[in-house]
């Protein structure tokens, strides 16, 4: 066992959720690190590194009929600095 607090240092998981008038679906999963985010589409054809989770949303915009939002998997989990 190490002395590192893995739970506190773990990236925060999020989903890129899209919604239209009839359905909701997850377009991508992402991990938010302290200084960037990594995102992978659920279709498997897109992976990206962005400055923040919010900045990844523009890559999933599909016009006025589809709304794209960021949803945190554990929103109650406090986000603390990974710097020791």
PDB file of N, CA and C in Angstrom:
ATOM      1  N   UNK A   1       0.851  -1.188   0.000  1.00  0.00           N
ATOM      2  CA  UNK A   1       0.000   0.000   0.000  1.00  0.00           C
ATOM      3  C   UNK A   1       0.884   1.234   0.000  1.00  0.00           C
ATOM      4  N   UNK A   2       0.530   2.197  -0.838  1.00  0.00           N
ATOM      5  CA  UNK A   2       1.303   3.432  -0.931  1.00  0.00           C
ATOM      6  C   UNK A   2       0.669   4.512  -0.074  1.00  0.00           C
ATOM      7  N   UNK A   3       1.395   5.587   0.110  1.00  0.00           N
ATOM      8  CA  UNK A   3       0.885   6.711   0.885  1.00  0.00           C
ATOM      9  C   UNK A   3       0.159   7.739   0.041  1.00  0.00           C
ATOM     10  N   UNK A   4      -0.079   7.445  -1.225  1.00  0.00           N
ATOM     11  CA  UNK A   4      -0.738   8.396  -2.112  1.00  0.00           C
ATOM     12  C   UNK A   4      -2.260   8.257  -2.014  1.00  0.00           C
ATOM     13  N   UNK A   5      -2.946   9.371  -1.986  1.00  0.00           N
ATOM     14  CA  UNK A   5      -4.405   9.391  -1.885  1.00  0.00           C
ATOM     15  C   UNK A   5      -5.007   9.295  -3.291  1.00  0.00           C
ATOM     16  N   UNK A   6      -5.157   8.074  -3.783  1.00  0.00           N
ATOM     17  CA  UNK A   6      -5.604   7.831  -5.143  1.00  0.00           C
ATOM     18  C   UNK A   6      -7.004   8.404  -5.385  1.00  0.00           C
ATOM     19  N   UNK A   7      -7.909   8.247  -4.453  1.00  0.00           N
ATOM     20  CA  UNK A   7      -9.268   8.770  -4.638  1.00  0.00           C
ATOM     21  C   UNK A   7      -9.262  10.277  -4.847  1.00  0.00           C
ATOM     22  N   UNK A   8      -8.462  10.984  -4.093  1.00  0.00           N
ATOM     23  CA  UNK A   8      -8.425  12.446  -4.201  1.00  0.00           C
ATOM     24  C   UNK A   8      -7.765  12.897  -5.497  1.00  0.00           C
ATOM     25  N   UNK A   9      -6.818  12.118  -5.984  1.00  0.00           N
ATOM     26  CA  UNK A   9      -6.069  12.501  -7.178  1.00  0.00           C
ATOM     27  C   UNK A   9      -6.677  11.984  -8.480  1.00  0.00           C
ATOM     28  N   UNK A  10      -7.670  11.119  -8.395  1.00  0.00           N
ATOM     29  CA  UNK A  10      -8.270  10.528  -9.592  1.00  0.00           C
ATOM     30  C   UNK A  10      -8.967  11.593 -10.429  1.00  0.00           C
ATOM     31  N   UNK A  11      -8.952  11.427 -11.759  1.00  0.00           N
ATOM     32  CA  UNK A  11      -9.689  12.367 -12.607  1.00  0.00           C
ATOM     33  C   UNK A  11     -11.184  12.226 -12.365  1.00  0.00           C
ATOM     34  N   UNK A  12     -11.898  13.288 -12.640  1.00  0.00           N
ATOM     35  CA  UNK A  12     -13.343  13.284 -12.450  1.00  0.00           C
ATOM     36  C   UNK A  12     -14.013  12.861 -13.762  1.00  0.00           C
ATOM     37  N   UNK A  13     -14.909  11.877 -13.686  1.00  0.00           N
ATOM     38  CA  UNK A  13     -15.572  11.317 -14.855  1.00  0.00           C
ATOM     39  C   UNK A  13     -16.796  12.156 -15.228  1.00  0.00           C
ATOM     40  N   UNK A  14     -16.968  12.372 -16.546  1.00  0.00           N
ATOM     41  CA  UNK A  14     -18.146  13.104 -17.024  1.00  0.00           C
ATOM     42  C   UNK A  14     -18.640  12.476 -18.321  1.00  0.00           C
ATOM     43  N   UNK A  15     -19.871  12.821 -18.666  1.00  0.00           N
ATOM     44  CA  UNK A  15     -20.471  12.383 -19.926  1.00  0.00           C
ATOM     45  C   UNK A  15     -20.860  13.610 -20.731  1.00  0.00           C
ATOM     46  N   UNK A  16     -20.750  13.487 -22.038  1.00  0.00           N
ATOM     47  CA  UNK A  16     -21.306  14.483 -22.951  1.00  0.00           C
ATOM     48  C   UNK A  16     -22.656  13.908 -23.380  1.00  0.00           C
ATOM     49  N   UNK A  17     -23.726  14.547 -22.929  1.00  0.00           N
ATOM     50  CA  UNK A  17     -25.082  14.042 -23.167  1.00  0.00           C
ATOM     51  C   UNK A  17     -25.765  14.909 -24.218  1.00  0.00           C
ATOM     52  N   UNK A  18     -26.398  14.242 -25.166  1.00  0.00           N
ATOM     53  CA  UNK A  18     -27.152  14.952 -26.191  1.00  0.00           C
ATOM     54  C   UNK A  18     -28.626  14.620 -26.053  1.00  0.00           C
ATOM     55  N   UNK A  19     -29.459  15.617 -26.358  1.00  0.00           N
ATOM     56  CA  UNK A  19     -30.903  15.510 -26.190  1.00  0.00           C
ATOM     57  C   UNK A  19     -31.593  16.148 -27.382  1.00  0.00           C
ATOM     58  N   UNK A  20     -32.616  15.471 -27.882  1.00  0.00           N
ATOM     59  CA  UNK A  20     -33.497  16.106 -28.860  1.00  0.00           C
ATOM     60  C   UNK A  20     -34.918  16.014 -28.319  1.00  0.00           C
ATOM     61  N   UNK A  21     -35.907  16.274 -29.131  1.00  0.00           N
ATOM     62  CA  UNK A  21     -37.298  16.286 -28.644  1.00  0.00           C
ATOM     63  C   UNK A  21     -37.812  14.911 -28.248  1.00  0.00           C
ATOM     64  N   UNK A  22     -37.120  13.844 -28.669  1.00  0.00           N
ATOM     65  CA  UNK A  22     -37.607  12.494 -28.416  1.00  0.00           C
ATOM     66  C   UNK A  22     -36.708  11.626 -27.556  1.00  0.00           C
ATOM     67  N   UNK A  23     -35.425  11.956 -27.455  1.00  0.00           N
ATOM     68  CA  UNK A  23     -34.496  11.008 -26.840  1.00  0.00           C
ATOM     69  C   UNK A  23     -33.309  11.718 -26.200  1.00  0.00           C
ATOM     70  N   UNK A  24     -32.634  11.019 -25.304  1.00  0.00           N
ATOM     71  CA  UNK A  24     -31.365  11.439 -24.704  1.00  0.00           C
ATOM     72  C   UNK A  24     -30.357  10.324 -24.965  1.00  0.00           C
ATOM     73  N   UNK A  25     -29.094  10.690 -25.183  1.00  0.00           N
ATOM     74  CA  UNK A  25     -28.063   9.683 -25.378  1.00  0.00           C
ATOM     75  C   UNK A  25     -26.706  10.240 -24.961  1.00  0.00           C
ATOM     76  N   UNK A  26     -25.805   9.331 -24.638  1.00  0.00           N
ATOM     77  CA  UNK A  26     -24.441   9.713 -24.273  1.00  0.00           C
ATOM     78  C   UNK A  26     -23.609   9.686 -25.548  1.00  0.00           C
ATOM     79  N   UNK A  27     -23.057  10.841 -25.912  1.00  0.00           N
ATOM     80  CA  UNK A  27     -22.242  10.952 -27.123  1.00  0.00           C
ATOM     81  C   UNK A  27     -20.779  10.644 -26.831  1.00  0.00           C
ATOM     82  N   UNK A  28     -20.347  10.894 -25.573  1.00  0.00           N
ATOM     83  CA  UNK A  28     -18.945  10.671 -25.231  1.00  0.00           C
ATOM     84  C   UNK A  28     -18.778  10.556 -23.723  1.00  0.00           C
ATOM     85  N   UNK A  29     -17.669   9.954 -23.340  1.00  0.00           N
ATOM     86  CA  UNK A  29     -17.230   9.895 -21.947  1.00  0.00           C
ATOM     87  C   UNK A  29     -15.935  10.676 -21.842  1.00  0.00           C
ATOM     88  N   UNK A  30     -15.718  11.285 -20.684  1.00  0.00           N
ATOM     89  CA  UNK A  30     -14.485  12.030 -20.509  1.00  0.00           C
ATOM     90  C   UNK A  30     -13.944  11.942 -19.097  1.00  0.00           C
ATOM     91  N   UNK A  31     -12.670  12.284 -18.988  1.00  0.00           N
ATOM     92  CA  UNK A  31     -12.005  12.387 -17.692  1.00  0.00           C
ATOM     93  C   UNK A  31     -11.434  13.788 -17.578  1.00  0.00           C
ATOM     94  N   UNK A  32     -11.782  14.460 -16.482  1.00  0.00           N
ATOM     95  CA  UNK A  32     -11.293  15.818 -16.238  1.00  0.00           C
ATOM     96  C   UNK A  32     -10.103  15.752 -15.290  1.00  0.00           C
ATOM     97  N   UNK A  33      -8.977  16.211 -15.776  1.00  0.00           N
ATOM     98  CA  UNK A  33      -7.778  16.332 -14.967  1.00  0.00           C
ATOM     99  C   UNK A  33      -7.651  17.788 -14.531  1.00  0.00           C
ATOM    100  N   UNK A  34      -6.695  18.083 -13.705  1.00  0.00           N
ATOM    101  CA  UNK A  34      -6.543  19.445 -13.197  1.00  0.00           C
ATOM    102  C   UNK A  34      -6.286  20.454 -14.312  1.00  0.00           C
ATOM    103  N   UNK A  35      -5.554  20.062 -15.347  1.00  0.00           N
ATOM    104  CA  UNK A  35      -5.166  21.023 -16.378  1.00  0.00           C
ATOM    105  C   UNK A  35      -5.644  20.682 -17.789  1.00  0.00           C
ATOM    106  N   UNK A  36      -6.467  19.631 -17.943  1.00  0.00           N
ATOM    107  CA  UNK A  36      -7.003  19.280 -19.255  1.00  0.00           C
ATOM    108  C   UNK A  36      -8.088  18.221 -19.100  1.00  0.00           C
ATOM    109  N   UNK A  37      -8.713  17.885 -20.220  1.00  0.00           N
ATOM    110  CA  UNK A  37      -9.714  16.814 -20.239  1.00  0.00           C
ATOM    111  C   UNK A  37      -9.414  15.891 -21.419  1.00  0.00           C
ATOM    112  N   UNK A  38      -9.701  14.615 -21.237  1.00  0.00           N
ATOM    113  CA  UNK A  38      -9.588  13.639 -22.309  1.00  0.00           C
ATOM    114  C   UNK A  38     -10.981  13.077 -22.564  1.00  0.00           C
ATOM    115  N   UNK A  39     -11.357  13.020 -23.835  1.00  0.00           N
ATOM    116  CA  UNK A  39     -12.726  12.669 -24.216  1.00  0.00           C
ATOM    117  C   UNK A  39     -12.685  11.604 -25.308  1.00  0.00           C
ATOM    118  N   UNK A  40     -13.579  10.621 -25.205  1.00  0.00           N
ATOM    119  CA  UNK A  40     -13.714   9.577 -26.232  1.00  0.00           C
ATOM    120  C   UNK A  40     -15.197   9.418 -26.568  1.00  0.00           C
ATOM    121  N   UNK A  41     -15.499   9.479 -27.864  1.00  0.00           N
ATOM    122  CA  UNK A  41     -16.893   9.319 -28.282  1.00  0.00           C
ATOM    123  C   UNK A  41     -17.347   7.881 -28.064  1.00  0.00           C
ATOM    124  N   UNK A  42     -18.630   7.705 -27.835  1.00  0.00           N
ATOM    125  CA  UNK A  42     -19.175   6.361 -27.630  1.00  0.00           C
ATOM    126  C   UNK A  42     -19.202   5.570 -28.937  1.00  0.00           C
ATOM    127  N   UNK A  43     -19.138   6.262 -30.070  1.00  0.00           N
ATOM    128  CA  UNK A  43     -19.097   5.565 -31.353  1.00  0.00           C
ATOM    129  C   UNK A  43     -17.708   5.013 -31.650  1.00  0.00           C
ATOM    130  N   UNK A  44     -16.707   5.471 -30.891  1.00  0.00           N
ATOM    131  CA  UNK A  44     -15.355   4.959 -31.041  1.00  0.00           C
ATOM    132  C   UNK A  44     -14.535   5.619 -32.130  1.00  0.00           C
ATOM    133  N   UNK A  45     -15.094   6.619 -32.803  1.00  0.00           N
ATOM    134  CA  UNK A  45     -14.369   7.228 -33.920  1.00  0.00           C
ATOM    135  C   UNK A  45     -13.733   8.576 -33.594  1.00  0.00           C
ATOM    136  N   UNK A  46     -13.783   8.994 -32.327  1.00  0.00           N
ATOM    137  CA  UNK A  46     -13.217  10.288 -31.964  1.00  0.00           C
ATOM    138  C   UNK A  46     -12.628  10.237 -30.558  1.00  0.00           C
ATOM    139  N   UNK A  47     -11.386  10.666 -30.448  1.00  0.00           N
ATOM    140  CA  UNK A  47     -10.713  10.840 -29.156  1.00  0.00           C
ATOM    141  C   UNK A  47     -10.061  12.204 -29.208  1.00  0.00           C
ATOM    142  N   UNK A  48     -10.103  12.924 -28.086  1.00  0.00           N
ATOM    143  CA  UNK A  48      -9.499  14.251 -28.082  1.00  0.00           C
ATOM    144  C   UNK A  48      -9.003  14.641 -26.708  1.00  0.00           C
ATOM    145  N   UNK A  49      -8.098  15.586 -26.719  1.00  0.00           N
ATOM    146  CA  UNK A  49      -7.590  16.211 -25.512  1.00  0.00           C
ATOM    147  C   UNK A  49      -7.969  17.694 -25.619  1.00  0.00           C
ATOM    148  N   UNK A  50      -8.654  18.223 -24.613  1.00  0.00           N
ATOM    149  CA  UNK A  50      -9.096  19.617 -24.639  1.00  0.00           C
ATOM    150  C   UNK A  50      -8.628  20.328 -23.372  1.00  0.00           C
ATOM    151  N   UNK A  51      -8.716  21.634 -23.380  1.00  0.00           N
ATOM    152  CA  UNK A  51      -8.289  22.430 -22.224  1.00  0.00           C
ATOM    153  C   UNK A  51      -9.177  22.204 -21.011  1.00  0.00           C
ATOM    154  N   UNK A  52     -10.450  21.898 -21.254  1.00  0.00           N
ATOM    155  CA  UNK A  52     -11.402  21.686 -20.155  1.00  0.00           C
ATOM    156  C   UNK A  52     -12.540  20.798 -20.657  1.00  0.00           C
ATOM    157  N   UNK A  53     -13.323  20.216 -19.754  1.00  0.00           N
ATOM    158  CA  UNK A  53     -14.483  19.437 -20.198  1.00  0.00           C
ATOM    159  C   UNK A  53     -15.468  20.285 -21.004  1.00  0.00           C
ATOM    160  N   UNK A  54     -15.676  21.511 -20.583  1.00  0.00           N
ATOM    161  CA  UNK A  54     -16.621  22.399 -21.269  1.00  0.00           C
ATOM    162  C   UNK A  54     -16.192  22.691 -22.706  1.00  0.00           C
ATOM    163  N   UNK A  55     -14.894  22.794 -22.943  1.00  0.00           N
ATOM    164  CA  UNK A  55     -14.423  23.108 -24.289  1.00  0.00           C
ATOM    165  C   UNK A  55     -14.621  21.947 -25.262  1.00  0.00           C
ATOM    166  N   UNK A  56     -14.851  20.746 -24.764  1.00  0.00           N
ATOM    167  CA  UNK A  56     -15.108  19.599 -25.638  1.00  0.00           C
ATOM    168  C   UNK A  56     -16.517  19.631 -26.222  1.00  0.00           C
ATOM    169  N   UNK A  57     -17.431  20.340 -25.583  1.00  0.00           N
ATOM    170  CA  UNK A  57     -18.828  20.328 -26.019  1.00  0.00           C
ATOM    171  C   UNK A  57     -19.008  20.812 -27.448  1.00  0.00           C
ATOM    172  N   UNK A  58     -18.216  21.789 -27.875  1.00  0.00           N
ATOM    173  CA  UNK A  58     -18.399  22.354 -29.216  1.00  0.00           C
ATOM    174  C   UNK A  58     -18.158  21.332 -30.323  1.00  0.00           C
ATOM    175  N   UNK A  59     -17.372  20.304 -30.038  1.00  0.00           N
ATOM    176  CA  UNK A  59     -17.108  19.275 -31.040  1.00  0.00           C
ATOM    177  C   UNK A  59     -18.296  18.328 -31.231  1.00  0.00           C
ATOM    178  N   UNK A  60     -19.289  18.442 -30.351  1.00  0.00           N
ATOM    179  CA  UNK A  60     -20.465  17.574 -30.425  1.00  0.00           C
ATOM    180  C   UNK A  60     -21.728  18.340 -30.790  1.00  0.00           C
ATOM    181  N   UNK A  61     -21.610  19.612 -31.111  1.00  0.00           N
ATOM    182  CA  UNK A  61     -22.780  20.402 -31.501  1.00  0.00           C
ATOM    183  C   UNK A  61     -23.322  19.891 -32.826  1.00  0.00           C
ATOM    184  N   UNK A  62     -24.654  19.783 -32.884  1.00  0.00           N
ATOM    185  CA  UNK A  62     -25.306  19.250 -34.086  1.00  0.00           C
ATOM    186  C   UNK A  62     -26.450  20.130 -34.552  1.00  0.00           C
ATOM    187  N   UNK A  63     -26.401  21.407 -34.286  1.00  0.00           N
ATOM    188  CA  UNK A  63     -27.462  22.304 -34.730  1.00  0.00           C
ATOM    189  C   UNK A  63     -28.464  22.597 -33.625  1.00  0.00           C
ATOM    190  N   UNK A  64     -29.523  23.291 -34.008  1.00  0.00           N
ATOM    191  CA  UNK A  64     -30.507  23.758 -33.035  1.00  0.00           C
ATOM    192  C   UNK A  64     -31.407  22.659 -32.477  1.00  0.00           C
ATOM    193  N   UNK A  65     -31.528  21.539 -33.169  1.00  0.00           N
ATOM    194  CA  UNK A  65     -32.442  20.479 -32.741  1.00  0.00           C
ATOM    195  C   UNK A  65     -31.851  19.549 -31.681  1.00  0.00           C
ATOM    196  N   UNK A  66     -30.534  19.577 -31.506  1.00  0.00           N
ATOM    197  CA  UNK A  66     -29.871  18.703 -30.538  1.00  0.00           C
ATOM    198  C   UNK A  66     -29.139  19.564 -29.515  1.00  0.00           C
ATOM    199  N   UNK A  67     -29.471  19.357 -28.247  1.00  0.00           N
ATOM    200  CA  UNK A  67     -28.808  20.071 -27.157  1.00  0.00           C
ATOM    201  C   UNK A  67     -27.700  19.190 -26.588  1.00  0.00           C
ATOM    202  N   UNK A  68     -26.553  19.798 -26.348  1.00  0.00           N
ATOM    203  CA  UNK A  68     -25.389  19.065 -25.836  1.00  0.00           C
ATOM    204  C   UNK A  68     -25.014  19.635 -24.479  1.00  0.00           C
ATOM    205  N   UNK A  69     -24.924  18.774 -23.467  1.00  0.00           N
ATOM    206  CA  UNK A  69     -24.605  19.214 -22.116  1.00  0.00           C
ATOM    207  C   UNK A  69     -23.543  18.325 -21.486  1.00  0.00           C
ATOM    208  N   UNK A  70     -22.928  18.867 -20.471  1.00  0.00           N
ATOM    209  CA  UNK A  70     -21.921  18.153 -19.692  1.00  0.00           C
ATOM    210  C   UNK A  70     -22.586  17.651 -18.414  1.00  0.00           C
ATOM    211  N   UNK A  71     -22.440  16.368 -18.114  1.00  0.00           N
ATOM    212  CA  UNK A  71     -23.032  15.783 -16.914  1.00  0.00           C
ATOM    213  C   UNK A  71     -21.926  15.089 -16.127  1.00  0.00           C
ATOM    214  N   UNK A  72     -21.731  15.514 -14.889  1.00  0.00           N
ATOM    215  CA  UNK A  72     -20.716  14.902 -14.020  1.00  0.00           C
ATOM    216  C   UNK A  72     -21.261  13.608 -13.452  1.00  0.00           C
ATOM    217  N   UNK A  73     -20.442  12.573 -13.438  1.00  0.00           N
ATOM    218  CA  UNK A  73     -20.870  11.263 -12.941  1.00  0.00           C
ATOM    219  C   UNK A  73     -21.077  11.290 -11.431  1.00  0.00           C
ATOM    220  N   UNK A  74     -20.204  11.952 -10.691  1.00  0.00           N
ATOM    221  CA  UNK A  74     -20.336  12.075  -9.240  1.00  0.00           C
ATOM    222  C   UNK A  74     -20.333  13.551  -8.862  1.00  0.00           C
ATOM    223  N   UNK A  75     -21.440  14.270  -9.081  1.00  0.00           N
ATOM    224  CA  UNK A  75     -21.426  15.712  -8.849  1.00  0.00           C
ATOM    225  C   UNK A  75     -21.217  16.099  -7.401  1.00  0.00           C
ATOM    226  N   UNK A  76     -21.520  15.220  -6.458  1.00  0.00           N
ATOM    227  CA  UNK A  76     -21.354  15.546  -5.046  1.00  0.00           C
ATOM    228  C   UNK A  76     -19.897  15.389  -4.588  1.00  0.00           C
ATOM    229  N   UNK A  77     -19.108  14.714  -5.401  1.00  0.00           N
ATOM    230  CA  UNK A  77     -17.706  14.476  -5.058  1.00  0.00           C
ATOM    231  C   UNK A  77     -16.946  15.796  -5.151  1.00  0.00           C
ATOM    232  N   UNK A  78     -16.301  16.219  -4.081  1.00  0.00           N
ATOM    233  CA  UNK A  78     -15.585  17.502  -4.133  1.00  0.00           C
ATOM    234  C   UNK A  78     -14.394  17.441  -5.065  1.00  0.00           C
ATOM    235  N   UNK A  79     -14.164  18.512  -5.786  1.00  0.00           N
ATOM    236  CA  UNK A  79     -13.025  18.601  -6.708  1.00  0.00           C
ATOM    237  C   UNK A  79     -11.926  19.354  -5.979  1.00  0.00           C
ATOM    238  N   UNK A  80     -10.846  18.674  -5.650  1.00  0.00           N
ATOM    239  CA  UNK A  80      -9.750  19.302  -4.939  1.00  0.00           C
ATOM    240  C   UNK A  80      -8.506  19.287  -5.805  1.00  0.00           C
ATOM    241  N   UNK A  81      -7.581  20.098  -5.489  1.00  0.00           N
ATOM    242  CA  UNK A  81      -6.340  20.185  -6.242  1.00  0.00           C
ATOM    243  C   UNK A  81      -5.564  18.888  -6.160  1.00  0.00           C
ATOM    244  N   UNK A  82      -4.972  18.488  -7.264  1.00  0.00           N
ATOM    245  CA  UNK A  82      -4.146  17.285  -7.287  1.00  0.00           C
ATOM    246  C   UNK A  82      -2.715  17.584  -6.851  1.00  0.00           C
ATOM    247  N   UNK A  83      -2.414  18.836  -6.653  1.00  0.00           N
ATOM    248  CA  UNK A  83      -1.070  19.191  -6.242  1.00  0.00           C
ATOM    249  C   UNK A  83      -0.888  18.901  -4.765  1.00  0.00           C
ATOM    250  N   UNK A  84       0.228  18.295  -4.430  1.00  0.00           N
ATOM    251  CA  UNK A  84       0.499  17.958  -3.025  1.00  0.00           C
ATOM    252  C   UNK A  84       1.374  19.003  -2.398  1.00  0.00           C
TER     253      UNK A  84
END
